[in-house]
Every structure is written in C-alpha cells, then in structure tokens.
C-alpha cells in the first residue's frame, strides 16, 4: 500500500545535490548535462539517517539530496512513492560543490 504524500510538502521542487565531490563521484559530473533525467534512490531501511541518492541512468551515484528533504521524501519513496528528477543546471569546479548541480523533482501522486 502506497503511503500518503506528506502534508505541507511540495509535490514538485528544486534542490541542490550534495556530496558530489566525495568517493570519486566528481568524475561523473562531466557525464551530466542540463536537462538530463536522473534517478532518485532511497537508502535501504535500517540506516540511522536514511537519505535519497541521485543516480545517473547507468546506476552510478553522483550525490544525495539535502537532509531536510530526505527526512520527508525518504519515507514516502520507501513506502512506494514515485518521483522523477531532471538536471536543471550542472557546473564545474568554479562553483562550490554543494551548488554544482541543481535538479527539479516531481513527485507522482497519481500512481
């Protein structure tokens, strides 16, 4: 059974992608272009602070959503919710890491 969408949370929003410079993920930023679709993948249950990861279509993780968003989006995604995301802007090393990628997320509540 699909969890209801959290009240007072936006069904569509823009967010920065964090953690893009750790674990070698920065090497994949060159593969991402404005307008590309990306996947949102929730952490497995049982994590202390579960997050929502941003993956390329190939499955490669490139970062994660901010904790304030993951706090409400993770339970909904883990409960069967579906969200689509696309890259609005990706920039290089001249921009602080936490601002290098901005995505738009649309939560599908019609499924």
PDB file of N, CA and C in Angstrom:
ATOM      1  N   UNK A   1       0.839  -1.187   0.000  1.00  0.00           N
ATOM      2  CA  UNK A   1       0.000   0.000   0.000  1.00  0.00           C
ATOM      3  C   UNK A   1       0.883   1.249   0.000  1.00  0.00           C
ATOM      4  N   UNK A   2       0.593   2.169  -0.881  1.00  0.00           N
ATOM      5  CA  UNK A   2       1.341   3.403  -1.006  1.00  0.00           C
ATOM      6  C   UNK A   2       1.054   4.325   0.174  1.00  0.00           C
ATOM      7  N   UNK A   3       2.116   4.829   0.783  1.00  0.00           N
ATOM      8  CA  UNK A   3       1.945   5.809   1.854  1.00  0.00           C
ATOM      9  C   UNK A   3       1.365   7.091   1.278  1.00  0.00           C
ATOM     10  N   UNK A   4       0.505   7.779   2.028  1.00  0.00           N
ATOM     11  CA  UNK A   4       0.001   9.059   1.527  1.00  0.00           C
ATOM     12  C   UNK A   4       1.134  10.072   1.430  1.00  0.00           C
ATOM     13  N   UNK A   5       1.004  10.989   0.494  1.00  0.00           N
ATOM     14  CA  UNK A   5       2.026  12.019   0.344  1.00  0.00           C
ATOM     15  C   UNK A   5       2.001  12.912   1.575  1.00  0.00           C
ATOM     16  N   UNK A   6       3.179  13.274   2.108  1.00  0.00           N
ATOM     17  CA  UNK A   6       3.230  14.081   3.333  1.00  0.00           C
ATOM     18  C   UNK A   6       2.575  15.451   3.152  1.00  0.00           C
ATOM     19  N   UNK A   7       1.699  15.784   4.073  1.00  0.00           N
ATOM     20  CA  UNK A   7       1.040  17.091   4.022  1.00  0.00           C
ATOM     21  C   UNK A   7       2.074  18.190   4.188  1.00  0.00           C
ATOM     22  N   UNK A   8       1.827  19.303   3.603  1.00  0.00           N
ATOM     23  CA  UNK A   8       2.650  20.515   3.649  1.00  0.00           C
ATOM     24  C   UNK A   8       4.016  20.353   2.973  1.00  0.00           C
ATOM     25  N   UNK A   9       4.231  19.287   2.234  1.00  0.00           N
ATOM     26  CA  UNK A   9       5.475  19.114   1.480  1.00  0.00           C
ATOM     27  C   UNK A   9       5.187  19.370   0.004  1.00  0.00           C
ATOM     28  N   UNK A  10       6.136  19.963  -0.699  1.00  0.00           N
ATOM     29  CA  UNK A  10       5.887  20.282  -2.118  1.00  0.00           C
ATOM     30  C   UNK A  10       5.896  19.038  -2.995  1.00  0.00           C
ATOM     31  N   UNK A  11       4.975  18.987  -3.921  1.00  0.00           N
ATOM     32  CA  UNK A  11       4.912  17.860  -4.861  1.00  0.00           C
ATOM     33  C   UNK A  11       5.932  18.035  -5.996  1.00  0.00           C
ATOM     34  N   UNK A  12       6.387  19.251  -6.198  1.00  0.00           N
ATOM     35  CA  UNK A  12       7.493  19.498  -7.120  1.00  0.00           C
ATOM     36  C   UNK A  12       8.377  20.570  -6.487  1.00  0.00           C
ATOM     37  N   UNK A  13       9.684  20.421  -6.694  1.00  0.00           N
ATOM     38  CA  UNK A  13      10.624  21.349  -6.068  1.00  0.00           C
ATOM     39  C   UNK A  13      11.968  21.263  -6.767  1.00  0.00           C
ATOM     40  N   UNK A  14      12.798  22.242  -6.486  1.00  0.00           N
ATOM     41  CA  UNK A  14      14.185  22.269  -6.963  1.00  0.00           C
ATOM     42  C   UNK A  14      15.086  22.061  -5.763  1.00  0.00           C
ATOM     43  N   UNK A  15      16.189  21.353  -5.981  1.00  0.00           N
ATOM     44  CA  UNK A  15      17.117  21.085  -4.879  1.00  0.00           C
ATOM     45  C   UNK A  15      18.539  20.990  -5.406  1.00  0.00           C
ATOM     46  N   UNK A  16      19.479  21.374  -4.552  1.00  0.00           N
ATOM     47  CA  UNK A  16      20.883  21.145  -4.862  1.00  0.00           C
ATOM     48  C   UNK A  16      21.212  19.694  -4.544  1.00  0.00           C
ATOM     49  N   UNK A  17      22.235  19.181  -5.220  1.00  0.00           N
ATOM     50  CA  UNK A  17      22.699  17.817  -4.977  1.00  0.00           C
ATOM     51  C   UNK A  17      23.999  17.922  -4.182  1.00  0.00           C
ATOM     52  N   UNK A  18      24.014  17.303  -3.029  1.00  0.00           N
ATOM     53  CA  UNK A  18      25.170  17.371  -2.136  1.00  0.00           C
ATOM     54  C   UNK A  18      26.033  16.130  -2.297  1.00  0.00           C
ATOM     55  N   UNK A  19      27.291  16.227  -1.833  1.00  0.00           N
ATOM     56  CA  UNK A  19      28.184  15.073  -1.832  1.00  0.00           C
ATOM     57  C   UNK A  19      28.755  14.708  -3.183  1.00  0.00           C
ATOM     58  N   UNK A  20      28.748  15.645  -4.122  1.00  0.00           N
ATOM     59  CA  UNK A  20      29.211  15.322  -5.474  1.00  0.00           C
ATOM     60  C   UNK A  20      30.729  15.186  -5.572  1.00  0.00           C
ATOM     61  N   UNK A  21      31.479  15.603  -4.553  1.00  0.00           N
ATOM     62  CA  UNK A  21      32.945  15.572  -4.640  1.00  0.00           C
ATOM     63  C   UNK A  21      33.567  14.483  -3.763  1.00  0.00           C
ATOM     64  N   UNK A  22      32.772  13.580  -3.254  1.00  0.00           N
ATOM     65  CA  UNK A  22      33.281  12.513  -2.396  1.00  0.00           C
ATOM     66  C   UNK A  22      33.210  11.172  -3.123  1.00  0.00           C
ATOM     67  N   UNK A  23      34.109  10.279  -2.759  1.00  0.00           N
ATOM     68  CA  UNK A  23      34.078   8.922  -3.292  1.00  0.00           C
ATOM     69  C   UNK A  23      34.261   8.827  -4.794  1.00  0.00           C
ATOM     70  N   UNK A  24      34.930   9.815  -5.389  1.00  0.00           N
ATOM     71  CA  UNK A  24      35.149   9.781  -6.830  1.00  0.00           C
ATOM     72  C   UNK A  24      33.941  10.173  -7.657  1.00  0.00           C
ATOM     73  N   UNK A  25      32.868  10.639  -7.003  1.00  0.00           N
ATOM     74  CA  UNK A  25      31.654  10.979  -7.751  1.00  0.00           C
ATOM     75  C   UNK A  25      31.847  12.181  -8.667  1.00  0.00           C
ATOM     76  N   UNK A  26      32.803  13.073  -8.346  1.00  0.00           N
ATOM     77  CA  UNK A  26      33.002  14.267  -9.167  1.00  0.00           C
ATOM     78  C   UNK A  26      33.386  13.926 -10.602  1.00  0.00           C
ATOM     79  N   UNK A  27      34.005  12.772 -10.807  1.00  0.00           N
ATOM     80  CA  UNK A  27      34.394  12.385 -12.167  1.00  0.00           C
ATOM     81  C   UNK A  27      33.182  12.139 -13.056  1.00  0.00           C
ATOM     82  N   UNK A  28      32.041  11.881 -12.474  1.00  0.00           N
ATOM     83  CA  UNK A  28      30.831  11.610 -13.256  1.00  0.00           C
ATOM     84  C   UNK A  28      30.042  12.874 -13.593  1.00  0.00           C
ATOM     85  N   UNK A  29      30.392  14.003 -12.959  1.00  0.00           N
ATOM     86  CA  UNK A  29      29.671  15.236 -13.265  1.00  0.00           C
ATOM     87  C   UNK A  29      29.822  15.630 -14.728  1.00  0.00           C
ATOM     88  N   UNK A  30      30.947  15.285 -15.345  1.00  0.00           N
ATOM     89  CA  UNK A  30      31.146  15.586 -16.756  1.00  0.00           C
ATOM     90  C   UNK A  30      30.225  14.817 -17.680  1.00  0.00           C
ATOM     91  N   UNK A  31      29.598  13.753 -17.161  1.00  0.00           N
ATOM     92  CA  UNK A  31      28.677  12.947 -17.958  1.00  0.00           C
ATOM     93  C   UNK A  31      27.249  13.486 -17.911  1.00  0.00           C
ATOM     94  N   UNK A  32      27.026  14.488 -17.058  1.00  0.00           N
ATOM     95  CA  UNK A  32      25.678  15.004 -16.826  1.00  0.00           C
ATOM     96  C   UNK A  32      25.528  16.353 -17.520  1.00  0.00           C
ATOM     97  N   UNK A  33      24.388  16.548 -18.152  1.00  0.00           N
ATOM     98  CA  UNK A  33      24.113  17.797 -18.855  1.00  0.00           C
ATOM     99  C   UNK A  33      22.759  18.351 -18.418  1.00  0.00           C
ATOM    100  N   UNK A  34      22.623  19.662 -18.543  1.00  0.00           N
ATOM    101  CA  UNK A  34      21.340  20.300 -18.239  1.00  0.00           C
ATOM    102  C   UNK A  34      20.240  19.599 -19.020  1.00  0.00           C
ATOM    103  N   UNK A  35      19.152  19.256 -18.352  1.00  0.00           N
ATOM    104  CA  UNK A  35      18.019  18.596 -18.991  1.00  0.00           C
ATOM    105  C   UNK A  35      18.020  17.086 -18.879  1.00  0.00           C
ATOM    106  N   UNK A  36      19.140  16.481 -18.479  1.00  0.00           N
ATOM    107  CA  UNK A  36      19.212  15.017 -18.352  1.00  0.00           C
ATOM    108  C   UNK A  36      18.307  14.513 -17.238  1.00  0.00           C
ATOM    109  N   UNK A  37      17.712  13.367 -17.453  1.00  0.00           N
ATOM    110  CA  UNK A  37      16.947  12.692 -16.396  1.00  0.00           C
ATOM    111  C   UNK A  37      17.931  11.992 -15.463  1.00  0.00           C
ATOM    112  N   UNK A  38      17.640  12.023 -14.184  1.00  0.00           N
ATOM    113  CA  UNK A  38      18.400  11.286 -13.173  1.00  0.00           C
ATOM    114  C   UNK A  38      17.400  10.516 -12.321  1.00  0.00           C
ATOM    115  N   UNK A  39      17.901   9.518 -11.607  1.00  0.00           N
ATOM    116  CA  UNK A  39      17.025   8.684 -10.767  1.00  0.00           C
ATOM    117  C   UNK A  39      17.237   9.023  -9.300  1.00  0.00           C
ATOM    118  N   UNK A  40      16.162   8.959  -8.539  1.00  0.00           N
ATOM    119  CA  UNK A  40      16.237   9.127  -7.089  1.00  0.00           C
ATOM    120  C   UNK A  40      16.123   7.750  -6.459  1.00  0.00           C
ATOM    121  N   UNK A  41      17.091   7.419  -5.610  1.00  0.00           N
ATOM    122  CA  UNK A  41      17.153   6.094  -4.999  1.00  0.00           C
ATOM    123  C   UNK A  41      17.224   6.252  -3.485  1.00  0.00           C
ATOM    124  N   UNK A  42      16.192   5.786  -2.754  1.00  0.00           N
ATOM    125  CA  UNK A  42      16.248   5.895  -1.299  1.00  0.00           C
ATOM    126  C   UNK A  42      17.199   4.859  -0.695  1.00  0.00           C
ATOM    127  N   UNK A  43      17.882   5.258   0.385  1.00  0.00           N
ATOM    128  CA  UNK A  43      18.695   4.300   1.138  1.00  0.00           C
ATOM    129  C   UNK A  43      17.827   3.125   1.565  1.00  0.00           C
ATOM    130  N   UNK A  44      18.459   2.005   1.812  1.00  0.00           N
ATOM    131  CA  UNK A  44      17.743   0.850   2.353  1.00  0.00           C
ATOM    132  C   UNK A  44      17.292   1.144   3.781  1.00  0.00           C
ATOM    133  N   UNK A  45      16.198   0.551   4.232  1.00  0.00           N
ATOM    134  CA  UNK A  45      15.774   0.738   5.624  1.00  0.00           C
ATOM    135  C   UNK A  45      16.863   0.272   6.587  1.00  0.00           C
ATOM    136  N   UNK A  46      16.850   0.841   7.775  1.00  0.00           N
ATOM    137  CA  UNK A  46      17.793   0.444   8.803  1.00  0.00           C
ATOM    138  C   UNK A  46      18.949   1.411   8.982  1.00  0.00           C
ATOM    139  N   UNK A  47      19.050   2.411   8.127  1.00  0.00           N
ATOM    140  CA  UNK A  47      20.103   3.426   8.269  1.00  0.00           C
ATOM    141  C   UNK A  47      19.733   4.375   9.412  1.00  0.00           C
ATOM    142  N   UNK A  48      20.739   4.940  10.072  1.00  0.00           N
ATOM    143  CA  UNK A  48      20.480   5.910  11.138  1.00  0.00           C
ATOM    144  C   UNK A  48      19.757   7.142  10.606  1.00  0.00           C
ATOM    145  N   UNK A  49      20.265   7.708   9.529  1.00  0.00           N
ATOM    146  CA  UNK A  49      19.649   8.869   8.880  1.00  0.00           C
ATOM    147  C   UNK A  49      19.546   8.565   7.393  1.00  0.00           C
ATOM    148  N   UNK A  50      18.507   7.835   6.986  1.00  0.00           N
ATOM    149  CA  UNK A  50      18.424   7.433   5.581  1.00  0.00           C
ATOM    150  C   UNK A  50      18.312   8.640   4.659  1.00  0.00           C
ATOM    151  N   UNK A  51      18.961   8.523   3.525  1.00  0.00           N
ATOM    152  CA  UNK A  51      18.954   9.607   2.558  1.00  0.00           C
ATOM    153  C   UNK A  51      18.350   9.183   1.240  1.00  0.00           C
ATOM    154  N   UNK A  52      18.264  10.146   0.348  1.00  0.00           N
ATOM    155  CA  UNK A  52      17.798   9.905  -1.020  1.00  0.00           C
ATOM    156  C   UNK A  52      18.954  10.276  -1.935  1.00  0.00           C
ATOM    157  N   UNK A  53      19.420   9.302  -2.703  1.00  0.00           N
ATOM    158  CA  UNK A  53      20.572   9.461  -3.579  1.00  0.00           C
ATOM    159  C   UNK A  53      20.143   9.786  -4.996  1.00  0.00           C
ATOM    160  N   UNK A  54      20.987  10.545  -5.673  1.00  0.00           N
ATOM    161  CA  UNK A  54      20.778  10.907  -7.071  1.00  0.00           C
ATOM    162  C   UNK A  54      21.734  10.052  -7.898  1.00  0.00           C
ATOM    163  N   UNK A  55      21.168   9.284  -8.851  1.00  0.00           N
ATOM    164  CA  UNK A  55      21.952   8.378  -9.679  1.00  0.00           C
ATOM    165  C   UNK A  55      21.809   8.748 -11.143  1.00  0.00           C
ATOM    166  N   UNK A  56      22.886   8.514 -11.899  1.00  0.00           N
ATOM    167  CA  UNK A  56      22.807   8.602 -13.353  1.00  0.00           C
ATOM    168  C   UNK A  56      21.928   7.466 -13.871  1.00  0.00           C
ATOM    169  N   UNK A  57      21.524   7.541 -15.106  1.00  0.00           N
ATOM    170  CA  UNK A  57      20.756   6.455 -15.719  1.00  0.00           C
ATOM    171  C   UNK A  57      21.517   5.138 -15.724  1.00  0.00           C
ATOM    172  N   UNK A  58      22.844   5.197 -15.685  1.00  0.00           N
ATOM    173  CA  UNK A  58      23.677   3.994 -15.658  1.00  0.00           C
ATOM    174  C   UNK A  58      23.698   3.339 -14.277  1.00  0.00           C
ATOM    175  N   UNK A  59      23.135   4.024 -13.287  1.00  0.00           N
ATOM    176  CA  UNK A  59      23.125   3.499 -11.928  1.00  0.00           C
ATOM    177  C   UNK A  59      24.203   4.074 -11.038  1.00  0.00           C
ATOM    178  N   UNK A  60      25.120   4.845 -11.594  1.00  0.00           N
ATOM    179  CA  UNK A  60      26.221   5.432 -10.838  1.00  0.00           C
ATOM    180  C   UNK A  60      25.705   6.545  -9.923  1.00  0.00           C
ATOM    181  N   UNK A  61      25.965   6.485  -8.608  1.00  0.00           N
ATOM    182  CA  UNK A  61      25.538   7.581  -7.722  1.00  0.00           C
ATOM    183  C   UNK A  61      26.408   8.816  -7.939  1.00  0.00           C
ATOM    184  N   UNK A  62      25.765   9.989  -7.936  1.00  0.00           N
ATOM    185  CA  UNK A  62      26.517  11.233  -8.109  1.00  0.00           C
ATOM    186  C   UNK A  62      26.340  12.193  -6.943  1.00  0.00           C
ATOM    187  N   UNK A  63      25.502  11.869  -5.995  1.00  0.00           N
ATOM    188  CA  UNK A  63      25.294  12.715  -4.825  1.00  0.00           C
ATOM    189  C   UNK A  63      23.992  12.371  -4.142  1.00  0.00           C
ATOM    190  N   UNK A  64      23.588  13.227  -3.218  1.00  0.00           N
ATOM    191  CA  UNK A  64      22.356  12.986  -2.473  1.00  0.00           C
ATOM    192  C   UNK A  64      21.604  14.293  -2.241  1.00  0.00           C
ATOM    193  N   UNK A  65      20.328  14.163  -1.939  1.00  0.00           N
ATOM    194  CA  UNK A  65      19.516  15.334  -1.634  1.00  0.00           C
ATOM    195  C   UNK A  65      19.857  15.838  -0.229  1.00  0.00           C
ATOM    196  N   UNK A  66      19.605  17.118   0.045  1.00  0.00           N
ATOM    197  CA  UNK A  66      19.863  17.641   1.383  1.00  0.00           C
ATOM    198  C   UNK A  66      19.061  16.880   2.446  1.00  0.00           C
ATOM    199  N   UNK A  67      19.602  16.762   3.659  1.00  0.00           N
ATOM    200  CA  UNK A  67      18.925  16.004   4.719  1.00  0.00           C
ATOM    201  C   UNK A  67      17.509  16.494   5.034  1.00  0.00           C
ATOM    202  N   UNK A  68      17.274  17.808   4.917  1.00  0.00           N
ATOM    203  CA  UNK A  68      15.927  18.330   5.213  1.00  0.00           C
ATOM    204  C   UNK A  68      14.891  17.783   4.242  1.00  0.00           C
ATOM    205  N   UNK A  69      15.289  17.520   3.025  1.00  0.00           N
ATOM    206  CA  UNK A  69      14.375  16.947   2.034  1.00  0.00           C
ATOM    207  C   UNK A  69      14.269  15.439   2.236  1.00  0.00           C
ATOM    208  N   UNK A  70      15.408  14.785   2.423  1.00  0.00           N
ATOM    209  CA  UNK A  70      15.400  13.329   2.622  1.00  0.00           C
ATOM    210  C   UNK A  70      14.549  12.927   3.823  1.00  0.00           C
ATOM    211  N   UNK A  71      14.491  13.780   4.837  1.00  0.00           N
ATOM    212  CA  UNK A  71      13.734  13.457   6.054  1.00  0.00           C
ATOM    213  C   UNK A  71      12.270  13.159   5.773  1.00  0.00           C
ATOM    214  N   UNK A  72      11.672  13.832   4.790  1.00  0.00           N
ATOM    215  CA  UNK A  72      10.266  13.559   4.477  1.00  0.00           C
ATOM    216  C   UNK A  72      10.108  12.760   3.188  1.00  0.00           C
ATOM    217  N   UNK A  73      11.061  12.922   2.239  1.00  0.00           N
ATOM    218  CA  UNK A  73      10.928  12.220   0.959  1.00  0.00           C
ATOM    219  C   UNK A  73      11.293  10.744   1.082  1.00  0.00           C
ATOM    220  N   UNK A  74      12.302  10.414   1.893  1.00  0.00           N
ATOM    221  CA  UNK A  74      12.731   9.024   2.034  1.00  0.00           C
ATOM    222  C   UNK A  74      11.587   8.105   2.468  1.00  0.00           C
ATOM    223  N   UNK A  75      10.835   8.433   3.541  1.00  0.00           N
ATOM    224  CA  UNK A  75       9.758   7.503   3.934  1.00  0.00           C
ATOM    225  C   UNK A  75       8.716   7.318   2.835  1.00  0.00           C
ATOM    226  N   UNK A  76       8.419   8.393   2.119  1.00  0.00           N
ATOM    227  CA  UNK A  76       7.405   8.299   1.070  1.00  0.00           C
ATOM    228  C   UNK A  76       7.908   7.435  -0.089  1.00  0.00           C
ATOM    229  N   UNK A  77       9.153   7.661  -0.533  1.00  0.00           N
ATOM    230  CA  UNK A  77       9.710   6.824  -1.601  1.00  0.00           C
ATOM    231  C   UNK A  77       9.829   5.375  -1.153  1.00  0.00           C
ATOM    232  N   UNK A  78      10.294   5.173   0.066  1.00  0.00           N
ATOM    233  CA  UNK A  78      10.453   3.814   0.589  1.00  0.00           C
ATOM    234  C   UNK A  78       9.104   3.107   0.750  1.00  0.00           C
ATOM    235  N   UNK A  79       8.044   3.886   0.901  1.00  0.00           N
ATOM    236  CA  UNK A  79       6.702   3.337   1.023  1.00  0.00           C
ATOM    237  C   UNK A  79       5.990   3.163  -0.303  1.00  0.00           C
ATOM    238  N   UNK A  80       6.729   3.293  -1.412  1.00  0.00           N
ATOM    239  CA  UNK A  80       6.136   3.056  -2.722  1.00  0.00           C
ATOM    240  C   UNK A  80       5.922   4.291  -3.568  1.00  0.00           C
ATOM    241  N   UNK A  81       6.262   5.468  -3.055  1.00  0.00           N
ATOM    242  CA  UNK A  81       6.107   6.693  -3.825  1.00  0.00           C
ATOM    243  C   UNK A  81       7.055   6.726  -5.018  1.00  0.00           C
ATOM    244  N   UNK A  82       6.688   7.496  -6.024  1.00  0.00           N
ATOM    245  CA  UNK A  82       7.491   7.608  -7.242  1.00  0.00           C
ATOM    246  C   UNK A  82       7.778   9.079  -7.496  1.00  0.00           C
ATOM    247  N   UNK A  83       9.046   9.374  -7.738  1.00  0.00           N
ATOM    248  CA  UNK A  83       9.449  10.744  -8.061  1.00  0.00           C
ATOM    249  C   UNK A  83      10.345  10.711  -9.290  1.00  0.00           C
ATOM    250  N   UNK A  84      10.166  11.696 -10.137  1.00  0.00           N
ATOM    251  CA  UNK A  84      11.003  11.840 -11.326  1.00  0.00           C
ATOM    252  C   UNK A  84      11.874  13.070 -11.136  1.00  0.00           C
ATOM    253  N   UNK A  85      13.087  13.022 -11.663  1.00  0.00           N
ATOM    254  CA  UNK A  85      14.007  14.147 -11.495  1.00  0.00           C
ATOM    255  C   UNK A  85      14.774  14.394 -12.783  1.00  0.00           C
ATOM    256  N   UNK A  86      15.112  15.668 -12.995  1.00  0.00           N
ATOM    257  CA  UNK A  86      15.935  16.033 -14.137  1.00  0.00           C
ATOM    258  C   UNK A  86      16.884  17.147 -13.709  1.00  0.00           C
ATOM    259  N   UNK A  87      17.992  17.222 -14.386  1.00  0.00           N
ATOM    260  CA  UNK A  87      19.023  18.207 -14.085  1.00  0.00           C
ATOM    261  C   UNK A  87      18.603  19.557 -14.664  1.00  0.00           C
ATOM    262  N   UNK A  88      18.587  20.565 -13.817  1.00  0.00           N
ATOM    263  CA  UNK A  88      18.334  21.922 -14.290  1.00  0.00           C
ATOM    264  C   UNK A  88      19.639  22.621 -14.638  1.00  0.00           C
ATOM    265  N   UNK A  89      20.669  22.364 -13.798  1.00  0.00           N
ATOM    266  CA  UNK A  89      21.943  23.046 -14.004  1.00  0.00           C
ATOM    267  C   UNK A  89      23.064  22.208 -13.411  1.00  0.00           C
ATOM    268  N   UNK A  90      24.123  22.060 -14.163  1.00  0.00           N
ATOM    269  CA  UNK A  90      25.332  21.422 -13.652  1.00  0.00           C
ATOM    270  C   UNK A  90      26.508  22.313 -14.042  1.00  0.00           C
ATOM    271  N   UNK A  91      27.375  22.579 -13.060  1.00  0.00           N
ATOM    272  CA  UNK A  91      28.514  23.466 -13.263  1.00  0.00           C
ATOM    273  C   UNK A  91      29.797  22.781 -12.814  1.00  0.00           C
ATOM    274  N   UNK A  92      30.906  23.418 -13.066  1.00  0.00           N
ATOM    275  CA  UNK A  92      32.215  22.841 -12.794  1.00  0.00           C
ATOM    276  C   UNK A  92      32.826  23.292 -11.483  1.00  0.00           C
ATOM    277  N   UNK A  93      34.135  23.122 -11.388  1.00  0.00           N
ATOM    278  CA  UNK A  93      34.875  23.379 -10.161  1.00  0.00           C
ATOM    279  C   UNK A  93      34.854  24.836  -9.721  1.00  0.00           C
ATOM    280  N   UNK A  94      34.469  25.752 -10.599  1.00  0.00           N
ATOM    281  CA  UNK A  94      34.420  27.170 -10.229  1.00  0.00           C
ATOM    282  C   UNK A  94      33.271  27.477  -9.263  1.00  0.00           C
ATOM    283  N   UNK A  95      32.378  26.525  -9.087  1.00  0.00           N
ATOM    284  CA  UNK A  95      31.205  26.687  -8.225  1.00  0.00           C
ATOM    285  C   UNK A  95      31.391  25.809  -6.985  1.00  0.00           C
ATOM    286  N   UNK A  96      31.002  26.291  -5.796  1.00  0.00           N
ATOM    287  CA  UNK A  96      31.107  25.439  -4.603  1.00  0.00           C
ATOM    288  C   UNK A  96      30.399  24.103  -4.825  1.00  0.00           C
ATOM    289  N   UNK A  97      30.974  23.035  -4.276  1.00  0.00           N
ATOM    290  CA  UNK A  97      30.486  21.681  -4.561  1.00  0.00           C
ATOM    291  C   UNK A  97      28.999  21.508  -4.288  1.00  0.00           C
ATOM    292  N   UNK A  98      28.491  22.109  -3.226  1.00  0.00           N
ATOM    293  CA  UNK A  98      27.084  21.911  -2.874  1.00  0.00           C
ATOM    294  C   UNK A  98      26.133  22.688  -3.775  1.00  0.00           C
ATOM    295  N   UNK A  99      26.690  23.470  -4.731  1.00  0.00           N
ATOM    296  CA  UNK A  99      25.849  24.210  -5.672  1.00  0.00           C
ATOM    297  C   UNK A  99      26.102  23.799  -7.115  1.00  0.00           C
ATOM    298  N   UNK A 100      26.914  22.765  -7.324  1.00  0.00           N
ATOM    299  CA  UNK A 100      27.296  22.395  -8.699  1.00  0.00           C
ATOM    300  C   UNK A 100      26.158  21.790  -9.494  1.00  0.00           C
ATOM    301  N   UNK A 101      25.262  21.123  -8.819  1.00  0.00           N
ATOM    302  CA  UNK A 101      24.154  20.502  -9.542  1.00  0.00           C
ATOM    303  C   UNK A 101      22.833  20.866  -8.871  1.00  0.00           C
ATOM    304  N   UNK A 102      21.897  21.316  -9.681  1.00  0.00           N
ATOM    305  CA  UNK A 102      20.541  21.615  -9.222  1.00  0.00           C
ATOM    306  C   UNK A 102      19.594  20.746 -10.035  1.00  0.00           C
ATOM    307  N   UNK A 103      18.675  20.084  -9.343  1.00  0.00           N
ATOM    308  CA  UNK A 103      17.705  19.231 -10.031  1.00  0.00           C
ATOM    309  C   UNK A 103      16.289  19.698  -9.722  1.00  0.00           C
ATOM    310  N   UNK A 104      15.378  19.298 -10.582  1.00  0.00           N
ATOM    311  CA  UNK A 104      13.952  19.508 -10.346  1.00  0.00           C
ATOM    312  C   UNK A 104      13.331  18.145 -10.102  1.00  0.00           C
ATOM    313  N   UNK A 105      12.545  18.045  -9.048  1.00  0.00           N
ATOM    314  CA  UNK A 105      11.911  16.784  -8.666  1.00  0.00           C
ATOM    315  C   UNK A 105      10.400  16.956  -8.749  1.00  0.00           C
ATOM    316  N   UNK A 106       9.741  15.976  -9.332  1.00  0.00           N
ATOM    317  CA  UNK A 106       8.278  15.948  -9.397  1.00  0.00           C
ATOM    318  C   UNK A 106       7.827  14.631  -8.779  1.00  0.00           C
ATOM    319  N   UNK A 107       7.071  14.733  -7.696  1.00  0.00           N
ATOM    320  CA  UNK A 107       6.537  13.550  -7.020  1.00  0.00           C
ATOM    321  C   UNK A 107       5.218  13.163  -7.656  1.00  0.00           C
ATOM    322  N   UNK A 108       5.137  11.947  -8.140  1.00  0.00           N
ATOM    323  CA  UNK A 108       3.917  11.487  -8.802  1.00  0.00           C
ATOM    324  C   UNK A 108       2.954  10.961  -7.749  1.00  0.00           C
ATOM    325  N   UNK A 109       1.886  11.673  -7.594  1.00  0.00           N
ATOM    326  CA  UNK A 109       0.874  11.256  -6.614  1.00  0.00           C
ATOM    327  C   UNK A 109      -0.360  10.687  -7.294  1.00  0.00           C
ATOM    328  N   UNK A 110      -0.285  10.510  -8.613  1.00  0.00           N
ATOM    329  CA  UNK A 110      -1.416   9.966  -9.364  1.00  0.00           C
ATOM    330  C   UNK A 110      -1.306   8.475  -9.593  1.00  0.00           C
ATOM    331  N   UNK A 111      -0.195   7.887  -9.157  1.00  0.00           N
ATOM    332  CA  UNK A 111       0.035   6.457  -9.414  1.00  0.00           C
ATOM    333  C   UNK A 111      -0.735   5.580  -8.461  1.00  0.00           C
TER     334      UNK A 111
END
